[in-house]
Amino acid sequence: MTSASDFVAFRITVCGIAELAGHSAAGVTHVLSILDPGFADPDAFGAFGEHERLDLRFHDITEERPAMRLAQSEDVAALLRFGRDLMREPQAHLLVHCHMGVSRSTAAMALILAQARPDRPALEALAEVRRIRPRIWPNLRVIELGDALLGRKGELVEAAIARYRHVVERRPEIGEMMIEMGRGREVRAALAQLRDGRGVAE
């Protein structure tokens, strides 16, 4: 889905690799591409017009795992700089993608929106990402790094956990699947928030 937003002047698209070809004629001017290390640039970009692109390579994990690369502070700092530069180009069209358009890309988009509007609650930034891309499970590691860099004092982290909580409450089987995928830290945080009554569920 491509959408205008009341957070930023530029247009936004969030998607996965399989959807890239469908956006080749959409007038994309900027691309934030987040893929696994060593993954080749998607062939679909050959059909895109001229655009600026930031390529980041880290795995969709939240804790250290053998032979895998966690997102680092410098990765998140780079995507935030990319977002700041876009603020000077209101006619831009930003496309953010990862492998599935669910985790790394939605975390990055949430941070870009939160950076653009520090006066808006973090829950609103996450809700806006969900409006643009209804199926989201933002990567907690990326959110934590961005929260620290933006000085949000845990507000963005709590908003992301509220999203996990919303999903786990309604679809427990998704929580079980995320645990099997090595994303148990996010599920445990959601359950702790539910138990403690912290945060605001969507």
Protein backbone atom coordinates (compact mmCIF):
# COMPACT_ATOMS: atom_id res chain seq x y z
CA MET A 1 0.00 0.00 0.00
CA THR A 2 1.17 3.53 -0.83
CA SER A 3 -0.09 6.32 1.36
CA ALA A 4 0.17 9.96 2.27
CA SER A 5 0.64 10.56 5.99
CA ASP A 6 -0.06 13.34 8.42
CA PHE A 7 3.36 12.61 9.97
CA VAL A 8 5.39 13.54 6.88
CA ALA A 9 4.81 15.33 3.59
CA PHE A 10 6.32 12.63 1.38
CA ARG A 11 4.49 9.49 0.24
CA ILE A 12 5.27 6.14 1.85
CA THR A 13 5.20 2.54 0.67
CA VAL A 14 6.15 -0.46 2.82
CA CYS A 15 6.46 -3.88 1.20
CA GLY A 16 8.32 -7.16 0.87
CA ILE A 17 10.55 -8.39 -1.95
CA ALA A 18 7.73 -10.21 -3.73
CA GLU A 19 5.78 -6.94 -4.03
CA LEU A 20 8.58 -4.73 -5.37
CA ALA A 21 7.75 -5.23 -9.04
CA GLY A 22 4.27 -3.86 -8.45
CA HIS A 23 5.73 -0.51 -7.38
CA SER A 24 8.15 0.00 -10.29
CA ALA A 25 5.87 2.54 -11.97
CA ALA A 26 4.77 4.29 -8.78
CA GLY A 27 7.27 7.14 -8.99
CA VAL A 28 9.46 5.95 -6.12
CA THR A 29 12.28 8.45 -5.52
CA HIS A 30 13.91 6.94 -2.41
CA VAL A 31 14.35 3.34 -1.32
CA LEU A 32 15.35 2.01 2.09
CA SER A 33 16.30 -1.62 1.48
CA ILE A 34 16.88 -3.87 4.53
CA LEU A 35 17.90 -7.43 3.71
CA ASP A 36 19.98 -10.29 5.09
CA PRO A 37 23.76 -9.94 4.74
CA GLY A 38 24.95 -11.38 1.44
CA PHE A 39 21.51 -11.21 -0.16
CA ALA A 40 21.69 -9.86 -3.71
CA ASP A 41 19.88 -6.70 -4.75
CA PRO A 42 16.37 -7.69 -5.92
CA ASP A 43 16.07 -7.89 -9.71
CA ALA A 44 12.89 -5.79 -9.52
CA PHE A 45 14.95 -2.65 -8.99
CA GLY A 46 16.05 -2.87 -12.63
CA ALA A 47 12.58 -1.65 -13.62
CA PHE A 48 12.55 1.28 -11.19
CA GLY A 49 13.31 4.80 -12.34
CA GLU A 50 16.21 6.81 -10.98
CA HIS A 51 16.12 6.83 -7.20
CA GLU A 52 18.27 7.26 -4.13
CA ARG A 53 18.79 4.11 -2.14
CA LEU A 54 20.12 3.17 1.28
CA ASP A 55 21.02 -0.52 1.52
CA LEU A 56 21.30 -2.00 5.01
CA ARG A 57 22.20 -5.61 5.69
CA PHE A 58 21.39 -7.30 9.00
CA HIS A 59 19.32 -10.32 10.00
CA ASP A 60 15.80 -10.16 11.37
CA ILE A 61 16.81 -11.20 14.87
CA THR A 62 16.64 -9.54 18.29
CA GLU A 63 19.44 -11.37 20.11
CA GLU A 64 22.92 -12.62 19.22
CA ARG A 65 22.84 -15.81 17.18
CA PRO A 66 25.79 -17.72 15.67
CA ALA A 67 26.81 -16.60 12.18
CA MET A 68 24.12 -13.92 12.08
CA ARG A 69 24.37 -10.14 12.23
CA LEU A 70 22.24 -8.12 14.63
CA ALA A 71 21.20 -4.59 13.71
CA GLN A 72 23.78 -2.16 15.08
CA SER A 73 23.45 1.41 16.25
CA GLU A 74 25.20 2.63 13.10
CA ASP A 75 22.59 0.90 10.92
CA VAL A 76 19.75 2.66 12.71
CA ALA A 77 21.63 5.98 12.70
CA ALA A 78 21.98 5.64 8.92
CA LEU A 79 18.27 5.05 8.34
CA LEU A 80 17.43 8.00 10.59
CA ARG A 81 19.77 10.25 8.56
CA PHE A 82 18.04 9.01 5.41
CA GLY A 83 14.71 9.96 6.97
CA ARG A 84 15.96 13.42 7.97
CA ASP A 85 17.17 14.10 4.43
CA LEU A 86 13.72 13.19 3.11
CA MET A 87 12.14 15.90 5.25
CA ARG A 88 13.66 18.42 2.84
CA GLU A 89 11.92 16.74 -0.14
CA PRO A 90 8.16 16.91 0.37
CA GLN A 91 7.48 15.61 -3.14
CA ALA A 92 9.46 12.43 -2.50
CA HIS A 93 8.05 8.92 -2.49
CA LEU A 94 9.80 6.62 -0.01
CA LEU A 95 9.64 2.84 -0.38
CA VAL A 96 10.85 0.81 2.60
CA HIS A 97 11.22 -2.93 2.19
CA CYS A 98 12.69 -5.99 3.84
CA HIS A 99 12.14 -9.64 2.93
CA MET A 100 8.46 -9.81 3.93
CA GLY A 101 7.58 -6.19 4.73
CA VAL A 102 6.59 -7.11 8.29
CA SER A 103 9.45 -6.67 10.75
CA ARG A 104 12.63 -4.77 9.82
CA SER A 105 10.89 -2.45 7.36
CA THR A 106 8.02 -1.59 9.72
CA ALA A 107 10.43 -0.91 12.57
CA ALA A 108 12.42 1.42 10.33
CA MET A 109 9.27 3.21 9.17
CA ALA A 110 8.09 3.67 12.76
CA LEU A 111 11.41 5.31 13.66
CA ILE A 112 11.34 7.61 10.64
CA LEU A 113 7.83 8.78 11.55
CA ALA A 114 8.68 9.19 15.24
CA GLN A 115 11.75 11.23 14.30
CA ALA A 116 9.68 13.46 12.00
CA ARG A 117 7.10 14.18 14.71
CA PRO A 118 8.68 14.02 18.17
CA ASP A 119 5.59 15.81 19.49
CA ARG A 120 3.37 12.82 18.63
CA PRO A 121 3.01 9.82 20.96
CA ALA A 122 4.89 6.69 19.96
CA LEU A 123 1.66 4.71 19.85
CA GLU A 124 0.43 7.03 17.11
CA ALA A 125 3.58 6.42 15.06
CA LEU A 126 3.06 2.65 15.32
CA ALA A 127 -0.63 3.03 14.48
CA GLU A 128 0.30 5.04 11.40
CA VAL A 129 2.68 2.31 10.24
CA ARG A 130 -0.10 -0.21 10.73
CA ARG A 131 -2.50 1.96 8.72
CA ILE A 132 -0.03 1.93 5.84
CA ARG A 133 0.97 -1.71 6.29
CA PRO A 134 -1.72 -3.58 8.27
CA ARG A 135 0.39 -6.67 9.07
CA ILE A 136 3.30 -5.56 11.24
CA TRP A 137 5.59 -7.05 13.89
CA PRO A 138 8.39 -4.44 14.18
CA ASN A 139 11.82 -5.77 15.05
CA LEU A 140 12.41 -4.99 18.72
CA ARG A 141 16.18 -4.63 18.39
CA VAL A 142 15.76 -1.93 15.73
CA ILE A 143 13.12 -0.16 17.82
CA GLU A 144 15.32 -0.24 20.93
CA LEU A 145 18.30 1.24 19.10
CA GLY A 146 16.13 3.94 17.52
CA ASP A 147 14.43 4.77 20.81
CA ALA A 148 17.85 5.38 22.37
CA LEU A 149 19.11 7.48 19.45
CA LEU A 150 15.94 9.58 19.43
CA GLY A 151 15.90 9.99 23.20
CA ARG A 152 12.37 8.61 23.54
CA LYS A 153 13.11 7.04 26.96
CA GLY A 154 11.51 3.69 26.16
CA GLU A 155 8.27 5.08 24.74
CA LEU A 156 8.83 3.57 21.30
CA VAL A 157 9.80 0.25 22.85
CA GLU A 158 6.60 0.14 24.90
CA ALA A 159 4.54 1.01 21.82
CA ALA A 160 6.12 -1.84 19.84
CA ILE A 161 5.50 -4.24 22.70
CA ALA A 162 1.88 -3.09 22.81
CA ARG A 163 1.65 -4.20 19.18
CA TYR A 164 3.01 -7.65 19.99
CA ARG A 165 0.59 -7.78 22.91
CA HIS A 166 -2.32 -6.95 20.61
CA VAL A 167 -1.36 -9.81 18.28
CA VAL A 168 -0.60 -12.37 20.99
CA GLU A 169 -3.85 -11.67 22.84
CA ARG A 170 -5.92 -12.27 19.71
CA ARG A 171 -3.77 -14.84 17.91
CA PRO A 172 -1.80 -16.89 20.48
CA GLU A 173 -0.61 -19.20 17.73
CA ILE A 174 1.34 -16.30 16.19
CA GLY A 175 3.14 -15.81 19.49
CA GLU A 176 4.04 -19.50 19.48
CA MET A 177 5.29 -19.19 15.91
CA MET A 178 7.45 -16.18 16.80
CA ILE A 179 8.99 -18.13 19.69
CA GLU A 180 9.82 -20.99 17.31
CA MET A 181 11.46 -18.44 14.99
CA GLY A 182 13.76 -17.28 17.80
CA ARG A 183 11.76 -14.14 18.59
CA GLY A 184 10.78 -15.18 22.10
CA ARG A 185 12.11 -11.98 23.65
CA GLU A 186 9.37 -9.97 21.94
CA VAL A 187 6.67 -12.42 23.01
CA ARG A 188 7.92 -12.46 26.60
CA ALA A 189 7.86 -8.66 26.64
CA ALA A 190 4.27 -8.69 25.38
CA LEU A 191 3.19 -11.17 28.04
CA ALA A 192 4.95 -9.15 30.76
CA GLN A 193 3.19 -5.98 29.61
CA LEU A 194 -0.12 -7.80 29.67
CA ARG A 195 0.55 -9.22 33.13
CA ASP A 196 1.70 -5.89 34.57
CA GLY A 197 -1.01 -3.81 32.91
CA ARG A 198 1.58 -1.54 31.27
CA GLY A 199 1.03 0.19 27.94
CA VAL A 200 -2.14 0.65 25.96
CA ALA A 201 -3.33 -2.16 23.75
CA GLU A 202 -4.41 -1.17 20.24
